[in-house]
């Protein structure tokens, strides 16, 4: 039983149990399909030669900026098939969807008054909603990584644990960051559609920048504004994730969390 200080978070997390089940189930099935295909892919060296004929821009777009990779390598294979695009996409969609529905969505549905009836401040409501957002992203990321690298051992998937840990941390911070961007937009506007547009638009735009910057010269200087560069750039499954990138992602997330708190506290809510 949650104490009164976390009653908002407890209810929000409990109410999402059905949706969480389907997110987890779909992710498990997809990850199993990816790791089960690796032994067959590993034996098809012709695929690497075929990929050499693809435009580097196309490869970079679907492999997180990478243009040369070996599909016989577990780390390169998983990065190109799962962790450069699909996993970040899943975590980002999950986070933005929750963030847009939880404050702005409740305000539009007329149920926000019930949430604010708890003996907590507005700032506490935002922080508890953010806590649930983090929990949702962590749960799904944990499922994706545990299935991929736990079951993957039976399919010759072998990646150093420190790189797996670094990659998973980057993915979690990435999803949380875009979720908090959407949360801040919803807290400031009270509009679910605007929260989705701001969160989704920023994710799409910065993914394009982060992916194409290594191969499009004029985009190179703009890679520093892309969270994807910090979280998934240069294949963390192979190269790890430098601490300074973690700090940038976490620091930016805290900034947007603070913006959400300030916006929600100062705005007149619709009755």
C-alpha atoms as a PDB file:
ATOM      1  CA  UNK A   1       0.000   0.000   0.000  1.00  0.00           C
ATOM      2  CA  UNK A   2       1.532   3.333  -1.083  1.00  0.00           C
ATOM      3  CA  UNK A   3       1.816   6.127   1.451  1.00  0.00           C
ATOM      4  CA  UNK A   4      -0.021   9.382   0.812  1.00  0.00           C
ATOM      5  CA  UNK A   5       3.110  11.053  -0.531  1.00  0.00           C
ATOM      6  CA  UNK A   6       3.296   8.590  -3.423  1.00  0.00           C
ATOM      7  CA  UNK A   7      -0.425   7.980  -3.889  1.00  0.00           C
ATOM      8  CA  UNK A   8      -0.468   9.761  -7.267  1.00  0.00           C
ATOM      9  CA  UNK A   9       2.434   7.686  -8.581  1.00  0.00           C
ATOM     10  CA  UNK A  10       0.970   4.453  -7.227  1.00  0.00           C
ATOM     11  CA  UNK A  11      -2.361   5.037  -8.927  1.00  0.00           C
ATOM     12  CA  UNK A  12      -0.793   6.101 -12.237  1.00  0.00           C
ATOM     13  CA  UNK A  13       1.485   3.044 -12.322  1.00  0.00           C
ATOM     14  CA  UNK A  14      -1.333   0.685 -11.353  1.00  0.00           C
ATOM     15  CA  UNK A  15      -3.700   2.069 -13.982  1.00  0.00           C
ATOM     16  CA  UNK A  16      -1.188   1.278 -16.737  1.00  0.00           C
ATOM     17  CA  UNK A  17      -0.761  -2.406 -15.928  1.00  0.00           C
ATOM     18  CA  UNK A  18      -2.848  -3.632 -18.867  1.00  0.00           C
ATOM     19  CA  UNK A  19      -1.092  -1.433 -21.408  1.00  0.00           C
ATOM     20  CA  UNK A  20       2.271  -2.352 -19.869  1.00  0.00           C
ATOM     21  CA  UNK A  21       1.530  -6.044 -20.425  1.00  0.00           C
ATOM     22  CA  UNK A  22       1.010  -5.552 -24.159  1.00  0.00           C
ATOM     23  CA  UNK A  23       4.097  -3.375 -24.504  1.00  0.00           C
ATOM     24  CA  UNK A  24       6.175  -6.040 -22.773  1.00  0.00           C
ATOM     25  CA  UNK A  25       4.680  -8.901 -24.756  1.00  0.00           C
ATOM     26  CA  UNK A  26       5.234  -7.218 -28.114  1.00  0.00           C
ATOM     27  CA  UNK A  27       8.804  -6.289 -27.215  1.00  0.00           C
ATOM     28  CA  UNK A  28       9.610  -9.817 -26.052  1.00  0.00           C
ATOM     29  CA  UNK A  29       8.349 -11.352 -29.282  1.00  0.00           C
ATOM     30  CA  UNK A  30      10.254  -8.874 -31.436  1.00  0.00           C
ATOM     31  CA  UNK A  31      13.511  -9.340 -29.512  1.00  0.00           C
ATOM     32  CA  UNK A  32      13.200 -13.103 -29.681  1.00  0.00           C
ATOM     33  CA  UNK A  33      12.752 -12.931 -33.445  1.00  0.00           C
ATOM     34  CA  UNK A  34      15.845 -10.726 -33.805  1.00  0.00           C
ATOM     35  CA  UNK A  35      18.182 -12.859 -31.691  1.00  0.00           C
ATOM     36  CA  UNK A  36      16.874 -16.106 -33.201  1.00  0.00           C
ATOM     37  CA  UNK A  37      17.782 -14.843 -36.677  1.00  0.00           C
ATOM     38  CA  UNK A  38      21.393 -14.048 -35.758  1.00  0.00           C
ATOM     39  CA  UNK A  39      22.942 -17.510 -36.347  1.00  0.00           C
ATOM     40  CA  UNK A  40      21.503 -17.584 -39.872  1.00  0.00           C
ATOM     41  CA  UNK A  41      22.606 -14.004 -40.542  1.00  0.00           C
ATOM     42  CA  UNK A  42      26.061 -14.742 -39.195  1.00  0.00           C
ATOM     43  CA  UNK A  43      26.581 -17.373 -41.879  1.00  0.00           C
ATOM     44  CA  UNK A  44      25.508 -15.131 -44.774  1.00  0.00           C
ATOM     45  CA  UNK A  45      28.677 -13.190 -45.567  1.00  0.00           C
ATOM     46  CA  UNK A  46      27.220 -12.104 -48.918  1.00  0.00           C
ATOM     47  CA  UNK A  47      24.915  -9.723 -47.071  1.00  0.00           C
ATOM     48  CA  UNK A  48      27.884  -7.629 -45.928  1.00  0.00           C
ATOM     49  CA  UNK A  49      29.037  -7.300 -49.523  1.00  0.00           C
ATOM     50  CA  UNK A  50      25.553  -6.275 -50.618  1.00  0.00           C
ATOM     51  CA  UNK A  51      25.409  -3.609 -47.920  1.00  0.00           C
ATOM     52  CA  UNK A  52      28.601  -2.056 -49.285  1.00  0.00           C
ATOM     53  CA  UNK A  53      26.641  -1.048 -52.380  1.00  0.00           C
ATOM     54  CA  UNK A  54      23.977   0.822 -50.403  1.00  0.00           C
ATOM     55  CA  UNK A  55      24.174   4.631 -50.167  1.00  0.00           C
ATOM     56  CA  UNK A  56      25.900   5.565 -46.884  1.00  0.00           C
ATOM     57  CA  UNK A  57      23.073   7.981 -46.091  1.00  0.00           C
ATOM     58  CA  UNK A  58      20.565   5.127 -46.166  1.00  0.00           C
ATOM     59  CA  UNK A  59      22.705   2.925 -43.929  1.00  0.00           C
ATOM     60  CA  UNK A  60      23.266   5.768 -41.486  1.00  0.00           C
ATOM     61  CA  UNK A  61      19.565   6.538 -41.308  1.00  0.00           C
ATOM     62  CA  UNK A  62      18.679   3.054 -40.126  1.00  0.00           C
ATOM     63  CA  UNK A  63      21.814   2.268 -38.100  1.00  0.00           C
ATOM     64  CA  UNK A  64      22.199   5.301 -35.870  1.00  0.00           C
ATOM     65  CA  UNK A  65      24.807   6.991 -38.041  1.00  0.00           C
ATOM     66  CA  UNK A  66      26.877   3.860 -38.670  1.00  0.00           C
ATOM     67  CA  UNK A  67      27.820   3.254 -42.319  1.00  0.00           C
ATOM     68  CA  UNK A  68      30.165   0.295 -41.935  1.00  0.00           C
ATOM     69  CA  UNK A  69      29.231  -2.687 -39.846  1.00  0.00           C
ATOM     70  CA  UNK A  70      29.625  -6.432 -39.866  1.00  0.00           C
ATOM     71  CA  UNK A  71      26.378  -8.364 -39.540  1.00  0.00           C
ATOM     72  CA  UNK A  72      28.385 -11.412 -38.464  1.00  0.00           C
ATOM     73  CA  UNK A  73      29.254  -9.472 -35.305  1.00  0.00           C
ATOM     74  CA  UNK A  74      26.621  -9.725 -32.574  1.00  0.00           C
ATOM     75  CA  UNK A  75      27.116  -6.114 -31.488  1.00  0.00           C
ATOM     76  CA  UNK A  76      26.894  -4.691 -35.023  1.00  0.00           C
ATOM     77  CA  UNK A  77      23.960  -6.917 -35.898  1.00  0.00           C
ATOM     78  CA  UNK A  78      21.959  -5.997 -32.799  1.00  0.00           C
ATOM     79  CA  UNK A  79      22.778  -2.314 -33.173  1.00  0.00           C
ATOM     80  CA  UNK A  80      21.550  -2.195 -36.771  1.00  0.00           C
ATOM     81  CA  UNK A  81      18.494  -4.399 -36.209  1.00  0.00           C
ATOM     82  CA  UNK A  82      17.357  -3.267 -32.772  1.00  0.00           C
ATOM     83  CA  UNK A  83      19.275  -0.745 -30.701  1.00  0.00           C
ATOM     84  CA  UNK A  84      19.979   2.051 -33.188  1.00  0.00           C
ATOM     85  CA  UNK A  85      16.340   2.585 -34.185  1.00  0.00           C
ATOM     86  CA  UNK A  86      13.686   0.114 -32.990  1.00  0.00           C
ATOM     87  CA  UNK A  87      14.448   0.102 -29.253  1.00  0.00           C
ATOM     88  CA  UNK A  88      14.808   3.907 -29.016  1.00  0.00           C
ATOM     89  CA  UNK A  89      11.601   4.239 -31.022  1.00  0.00           C
ATOM     90  CA  UNK A  90       9.692   1.930 -28.673  1.00  0.00           C
ATOM     91  CA  UNK A  91      10.949   3.634 -25.525  1.00  0.00           C
ATOM     92  CA  UNK A  92      10.344   7.113 -26.928  1.00  0.00           C
ATOM     93  CA  UNK A  93       6.797   6.344 -28.092  1.00  0.00           C
ATOM     94  CA  UNK A  94       6.002   4.773 -24.716  1.00  0.00           C
ATOM     95  CA  UNK A  95       7.373   7.766 -22.789  1.00  0.00           C
ATOM     96  CA  UNK A  96       5.736  10.428 -24.966  1.00  0.00           C
ATOM     97  CA  UNK A  97       2.403   8.616 -24.940  1.00  0.00           C
ATOM     98  CA  UNK A  98       2.361   8.402 -21.161  1.00  0.00           C
ATOM     99  CA  UNK A  99       3.574  11.970 -20.696  1.00  0.00           C
ATOM    100  CA  UNK A 100       0.923  13.406 -23.014  1.00  0.00           C
ATOM    101  CA  UNK A 101      -1.885  11.410 -21.406  1.00  0.00           C
ATOM    102  CA  UNK A 102      -1.001  11.973 -17.791  1.00  0.00           C
ATOM    103  CA  UNK A 103      -1.348  15.729 -17.148  1.00  0.00           C
ATOM    104  CA  UNK A 104      -2.649  17.344 -20.318  1.00  0.00           C
ATOM    105  CA  UNK A 105      -4.721  14.270 -21.118  1.00  0.00           C
ATOM    106  CA  UNK A 106      -6.259  14.188 -17.660  1.00  0.00           C
ATOM    107  CA  UNK A 107      -7.016  17.879 -17.895  1.00  0.00           C
ATOM    108  CA  UNK A 108      -8.797  17.399 -21.217  1.00  0.00           C
ATOM    109  CA  UNK A 109     -10.765  14.430 -19.864  1.00  0.00           C
ATOM    110  CA  UNK A 110     -11.782  16.382 -16.769  1.00  0.00           C
ATOM    111  CA  UNK A 111     -10.135  13.920 -14.369  1.00  0.00           C
ATOM    112  CA  UNK A 112      -7.240  16.122 -13.261  1.00  0.00           C
ATOM    113  CA  UNK A 113      -9.282  17.497 -10.335  1.00  0.00           C
ATOM    114  CA  UNK A 114      -9.317  13.981  -8.872  1.00  0.00           C
ATOM    115  CA  UNK A 115      -5.528  13.801  -9.074  1.00  0.00           C
ATOM    116  CA  UNK A 116      -5.160  17.230  -7.452  1.00  0.00           C
ATOM    117  CA  UNK A 117      -7.521  16.215  -4.649  1.00  0.00           C
ATOM    118  CA  UNK A 118      -4.681  14.200  -3.070  1.00  0.00           C
ATOM    119  CA  UNK A 119      -2.954  16.035  -0.195  1.00  0.00           C
ATOM    120  CA  UNK A 120       0.097  16.894  -2.309  1.00  0.00           C
ATOM    121  CA  UNK A 121       1.368  20.012  -4.061  1.00  0.00           C
ATOM    122  CA  UNK A 122       1.273  20.555  -7.794  1.00  0.00           C
ATOM    123  CA  UNK A 123       5.044  20.162  -7.902  1.00  0.00           C
ATOM    124  CA  UNK A 124       4.717  16.796  -6.177  1.00  0.00           C
ATOM    125  CA  UNK A 125       2.113  15.696  -8.740  1.00  0.00           C
ATOM    126  CA  UNK A 126       4.500  16.470 -11.600  1.00  0.00           C
ATOM    127  CA  UNK A 127       7.411  14.752  -9.873  1.00  0.00           C
ATOM    128  CA  UNK A 128       5.337  11.645  -9.161  1.00  0.00           C
ATOM    129  CA  UNK A 129       4.140  11.511 -12.757  1.00  0.00           C
ATOM    130  CA  UNK A 130       7.767  11.820 -13.872  1.00  0.00           C
ATOM    131  CA  UNK A 131       8.681   8.985 -11.502  1.00  0.00           C
ATOM    132  CA  UNK A 132       6.100   6.737 -13.162  1.00  0.00           C
ATOM    133  CA  UNK A 133       7.397   7.786 -16.585  1.00  0.00           C
ATOM    134  CA  UNK A 134      10.909   6.698 -15.570  1.00  0.00           C
ATOM    135  CA  UNK A 135       9.554   3.420 -14.174  1.00  0.00           C
ATOM    136  CA  UNK A 136       7.680   2.661 -17.394  1.00  0.00           C
ATOM    137  CA  UNK A 137      10.784   3.257 -19.512  1.00  0.00           C
ATOM    138  CA  UNK A 138      13.024   1.267 -17.166  1.00  0.00           C
ATOM    139  CA  UNK A 139      10.653  -1.713 -17.154  1.00  0.00           C
ATOM    140  CA  UNK A 140      10.443  -1.887 -20.940  1.00  0.00           C
ATOM    141  CA  UNK A 141      14.179  -1.310 -21.421  1.00  0.00           C
ATOM    142  CA  UNK A 142      14.964  -4.018 -18.868  1.00  0.00           C
ATOM    143  CA  UNK A 143      12.713  -6.460 -20.719  1.00  0.00           C
ATOM    144  CA  UNK A 144      14.318  -5.650 -24.068  1.00  0.00           C
ATOM    145  CA  UNK A 145      17.874  -6.052 -22.782  1.00  0.00           C
ATOM    146  CA  UNK A 146      17.240  -9.075 -20.570  1.00  0.00           C
ATOM    147  CA  UNK A 147      15.511 -10.963 -23.363  1.00  0.00           C
ATOM    148  CA  UNK A 148      18.044  -9.971 -26.001  1.00  0.00           C
ATOM    149  CA  UNK A 149      21.155 -10.806 -24.015  1.00  0.00           C
ATOM    150  CA  UNK A 150      19.710 -13.457 -21.712  1.00  0.00           C
ATOM    151  CA  UNK A 151      18.005 -15.610 -24.327  1.00  0.00           C
ATOM    152  CA  UNK A 152      20.538 -14.415 -26.888  1.00  0.00           C
ATOM    153  CA  UNK A 153      23.275 -16.520 -25.350  1.00  0.00           C
ATOM    154  CA  UNK A 154      21.505 -19.563 -26.761  1.00  0.00           C
ATOM    155  CA  UNK A 155      21.859 -18.004 -30.219  1.00  0.00           C
ATOM    156  CA  UNK A 156      25.561 -17.075 -30.068  1.00  0.00           C
ATOM    157  CA  UNK A 157      24.867 -13.476 -29.042  1.00  0.00           C
ATOM    158  CA  UNK A 158      27.843 -12.441 -26.939  1.00  0.00           C
ATOM    159  CA  UNK A 159      28.493  -8.778 -26.058  1.00  0.00           C
ATOM    160  CA  UNK A 160      30.560  -7.497 -23.066  1.00  0.00           C
ATOM    161  CA  UNK A 161      28.320  -6.814 -20.075  1.00  0.00           C
ATOM    162  CA  UNK A 162      29.787  -3.324 -19.537  1.00  0.00           C
ATOM    163  CA  UNK A 163      28.763  -2.339 -23.071  1.00  0.00           C
ATOM    164  CA  UNK A 164      25.297  -3.816 -22.616  1.00  0.00           C
ATOM    165  CA  UNK A 165      24.913  -1.824 -19.394  1.00  0.00           C
ATOM    166  CA  UNK A 166      26.146   1.377 -21.041  1.00  0.00           C
ATOM    167  CA  UNK A 167      23.836   0.961 -24.010  1.00  0.00           C
ATOM    168  CA  UNK A 168      20.812   0.263 -21.816  1.00  0.00           C
ATOM    169  CA  UNK A 169      21.526   3.341 -19.687  1.00  0.00           C
ATOM    170  CA  UNK A 170      21.708   5.520 -22.787  1.00  0.00           C
ATOM    171  CA  UNK A 171      18.439   4.123 -24.113  1.00  0.00           C
ATOM    172  CA  UNK A 172      16.645   4.719 -20.801  1.00  0.00           C
ATOM    173  CA  UNK A 173      17.873   8.311 -20.550  1.00  0.00           C
ATOM    174  CA  UNK A 174      16.871   8.934 -24.160  1.00  0.00           C
ATOM    175  CA  UNK A 175      13.300   7.715 -23.637  1.00  0.00           C
ATOM    176  CA  UNK A 176      12.960   9.592 -20.362  1.00  0.00           C
ATOM    177  CA  UNK A 177      14.262  12.815 -21.916  1.00  0.00           C
ATOM    178  CA  UNK A 178      11.716  12.877 -24.726  1.00  0.00           C
ATOM    179  CA  UNK A 179       8.992  11.879 -22.295  1.00  0.00           C
ATOM    180  CA  UNK A 180       9.887  14.845 -20.086  1.00  0.00           C
ATOM    181  CA  UNK A 181       9.896  17.152 -23.098  1.00  0.00           C
ATOM    182  CA  UNK A 182       6.318  16.040 -23.820  1.00  0.00           C
ATOM    183  CA  UNK A 183       5.427  16.310 -20.121  1.00  0.00           C
ATOM    184  CA  UNK A 184       6.697  19.898 -20.009  1.00  0.00           C
ATOM    185  CA  UNK A 185       4.739  20.801 -23.137  1.00  0.00           C
ATOM    186  CA  UNK A 186       1.573  19.270 -21.718  1.00  0.00           C
ATOM    187  CA  UNK A 187       2.056  20.907 -18.328  1.00  0.00           C
ATOM    188  CA  UNK A 188       2.497  24.302 -19.980  1.00  0.00           C
ATOM    189  CA  UNK A 189      -0.389  24.041 -22.439  1.00  0.00           C
ATOM    190  CA  UNK A 190      -2.919  21.542 -21.112  1.00  0.00           C
ATOM    191  CA  UNK A 191      -3.068  20.105 -24.624  1.00  0.00           C
ATOM    192  CA  UNK A 192      -2.447  16.396 -25.176  1.00  0.00           C
ATOM    193  CA  UNK A 193      -2.044  16.829 -28.933  1.00  0.00           C
ATOM    194  CA  UNK A 194       0.524  19.593 -28.464  1.00  0.00           C
ATOM    195  CA  UNK A 195       2.468  17.469 -25.990  1.00  0.00           C
ATOM    196  CA  UNK A 196       2.602  14.619 -28.527  1.00  0.00           C
ATOM    197  CA  UNK A 197       3.571  17.006 -31.327  1.00  0.00           C
ATOM    198  CA  UNK A 198       6.383  18.622 -29.340  1.00  0.00           C
ATOM    199  CA  UNK A 199       7.739  15.345 -27.973  1.00  0.00           C
ATOM    200  CA  UNK A 200       7.382  13.384 -31.195  1.00  0.00           C
ATOM    201  CA  UNK A 201       8.556  16.230 -33.410  1.00  0.00           C
ATOM    202  CA  UNK A 202      11.686  16.833 -31.361  1.00  0.00           C
ATOM    203  CA  UNK A 203      12.463  13.103 -31.353  1.00  0.00           C
ATOM    204  CA  UNK A 204      12.018  12.740 -35.117  1.00  0.00           C
ATOM    205  CA  UNK A 205      14.011  15.853 -35.975  1.00  0.00           C
ATOM    206  CA  UNK A 206      16.916  15.085 -33.664  1.00  0.00           C
ATOM    207  CA  UNK A 207      17.041  11.446 -34.814  1.00  0.00           C
ATOM    208  CA  UNK A 208      17.494  12.606 -38.396  1.00  0.00           C
ATOM    209  CA  UNK A 209      20.212  15.029 -37.329  1.00  0.00           C
ATOM    210  CA  UNK A 210      22.014  12.489 -35.166  1.00  0.00           C
ATOM    211  CA  UNK A 211      21.878   9.768 -37.830  1.00  0.00           C
ATOM    212  CA  UNK A 212      22.796  11.826 -40.877  1.00  0.00           C
ATOM    213  CA  UNK A 213      25.399  14.123 -39.285  1.00  0.00           C
ATOM    214  CA  UNK A 214      28.232  11.578 -39.798  1.00  0.00           C
ATOM    215  CA  UNK A 215      27.589  11.418 -43.562  1.00  0.00           C
ATOM    216  CA  UNK A 216      26.127  14.839 -44.425  1.00  0.00           C
ATOM    217  CA  UNK A 217      28.884  17.394 -43.938  1.00  0.00           C
ATOM    218  CA  UNK A 218      26.719  20.467 -43.309  1.00  0.00           C
ATOM    219  CA  UNK A 219      24.829  18.597 -40.558  1.00  0.00           C
ATOM    220  CA  UNK A 220      28.038  17.685 -38.721  1.00  0.00           C
ATOM    221  CA  UNK A 221      28.084  20.669 -36.323  1.00  0.00           C
ATOM    222  CA  UNK A 222      24.441  20.057 -35.397  1.00  0.00           C
ATOM    223  CA  UNK A 223      25.031  16.557 -33.996  1.00  0.00           C
ATOM    224  CA  UNK A 224      25.660  18.147 -30.589  1.00  0.00           C
ATOM    225  CA  UNK A 225      21.984  19.114 -30.285  1.00  0.00           C
ATOM    226  CA  UNK A 226      20.773  15.566 -30.902  1.00  0.00           C
ATOM    227  CA  UNK A 227      20.087  13.379 -27.843  1.00  0.00           C
ATOM    228  CA  UNK A 228      20.450  10.379 -30.152  1.00  0.00           C
ATOM    229  CA  UNK A 229      24.101  11.266 -30.728  1.00  0.00           C
ATOM    230  CA  UNK A 230      24.737  11.100 -26.987  1.00  0.00           C
ATOM    231  CA  UNK A 231      22.656   7.948 -26.366  1.00  0.00           C
ATOM    232  CA  UNK A 232      23.133   5.742 -29.424  1.00  0.00           C
ATOM    233  CA  UNK A 233      25.817   7.377 -31.562  1.00  0.00           C
ATOM    234  CA  UNK A 234      29.013   5.483 -32.359  1.00  0.00           C
ATOM    235  CA  UNK A 235      27.452   2.160 -31.349  1.00  0.00           C
ATOM    236  CA  UNK A 236      27.659   1.861 -27.544  1.00  0.00           C
ATOM    237  CA  UNK A 237      27.406  -1.926 -27.849  1.00  0.00           C
ATOM    238  CA  UNK A 238      30.862  -1.847 -29.452  1.00  0.00           C
ATOM    239  CA  UNK A 239      32.478   1.263 -27.992  1.00  0.00           C
ATOM    240  CA  UNK A 240      30.654   1.793 -24.687  1.00  0.00           C
ATOM    241  CA  UNK A 241      29.105   5.078 -23.574  1.00  0.00           C
ATOM    242  CA  UNK A 242      31.356   7.843 -22.193  1.00  0.00           C
ATOM    243  CA  UNK A 243      30.306   9.264 -18.841  1.00  0.00           C
ATOM    244  CA  UNK A 244      30.091  12.797 -20.207  1.00  0.00           C
ATOM    245  CA  UNK A 245      27.324  11.722 -22.580  1.00  0.00           C
ATOM    246  CA  UNK A 246      25.359  10.266 -19.681  1.00  0.00           C
ATOM    247  CA  UNK A 247      25.771  13.558 -17.812  1.00  0.00           C
ATOM    248  CA  UNK A 248      24.505  15.568 -20.803  1.00  0.00           C
ATOM    249  CA  UNK A 249      21.417  13.377 -21.207  1.00  0.00           C
ATOM    250  CA  UNK A 250      20.605  13.325 -17.495  1.00  0.00           C
ATOM    251  CA  UNK A 251      21.217  17.053 -17.111  1.00  0.00           C
ATOM    252  CA  UNK A 252      18.967  17.902 -20.040  1.00  0.00           C
ATOM    253  CA  UNK A 253      16.231  15.667 -18.652  1.00  0.00           C
ATOM    254  CA  UNK A 254      16.425  17.467 -15.297  1.00  0.00           C
ATOM    255  CA  UNK A 255      16.066  20.831 -17.080  1.00  0.00           C
ATOM    256  CA  UNK A 256      12.832  19.743 -18.761  1.00  0.00           C
ATOM    257  CA  UNK A 257      11.537  18.227 -15.533  1.00  0.00           C
ATOM    258  CA  UNK A 258      12.108  21.564 -13.837  1.00  0.00           C
ATOM    259  CA  UNK A 259      10.330  23.332 -16.696  1.00  0.00           C
ATOM    260  CA  UNK A 260       7.338  21.006 -16.296  1.00  0.00           C
ATOM    261  CA  UNK A 261       7.126  21.713 -12.563  1.00  0.00           C
ATOM    262  CA  UNK A 262       7.321  25.493 -13.029  1.00  0.00           C
ATOM    263  CA  UNK A 263       4.798  25.522 -15.879  1.00  0.00           C
ATOM    264  CA  UNK A 264       2.273  23.375 -14.026  1.00  0.00           C
ATOM    265  CA  UNK A 265       2.544  25.393 -10.830  1.00  0.00           C
ATOM    266  CA  UNK A 266       2.030  28.756 -12.557  1.00  0.00           C
ATOM    267  CA  UNK A 267      -0.712  27.923 -15.072  1.00  0.00           C
ATOM    268  CA  UNK A 268      -4.437  28.356 -14.457  1.00  0.00           C
ATOM    269  CA  UNK A 269      -5.950  24.947 -15.087  1.00  0.00           C
ATOM    270  CA  UNK A 270      -9.190  24.392 -16.930  1.00  0.00           C
ATOM    271  CA  UNK A 271     -12.096  23.462 -14.681  1.00  0.00           C
END
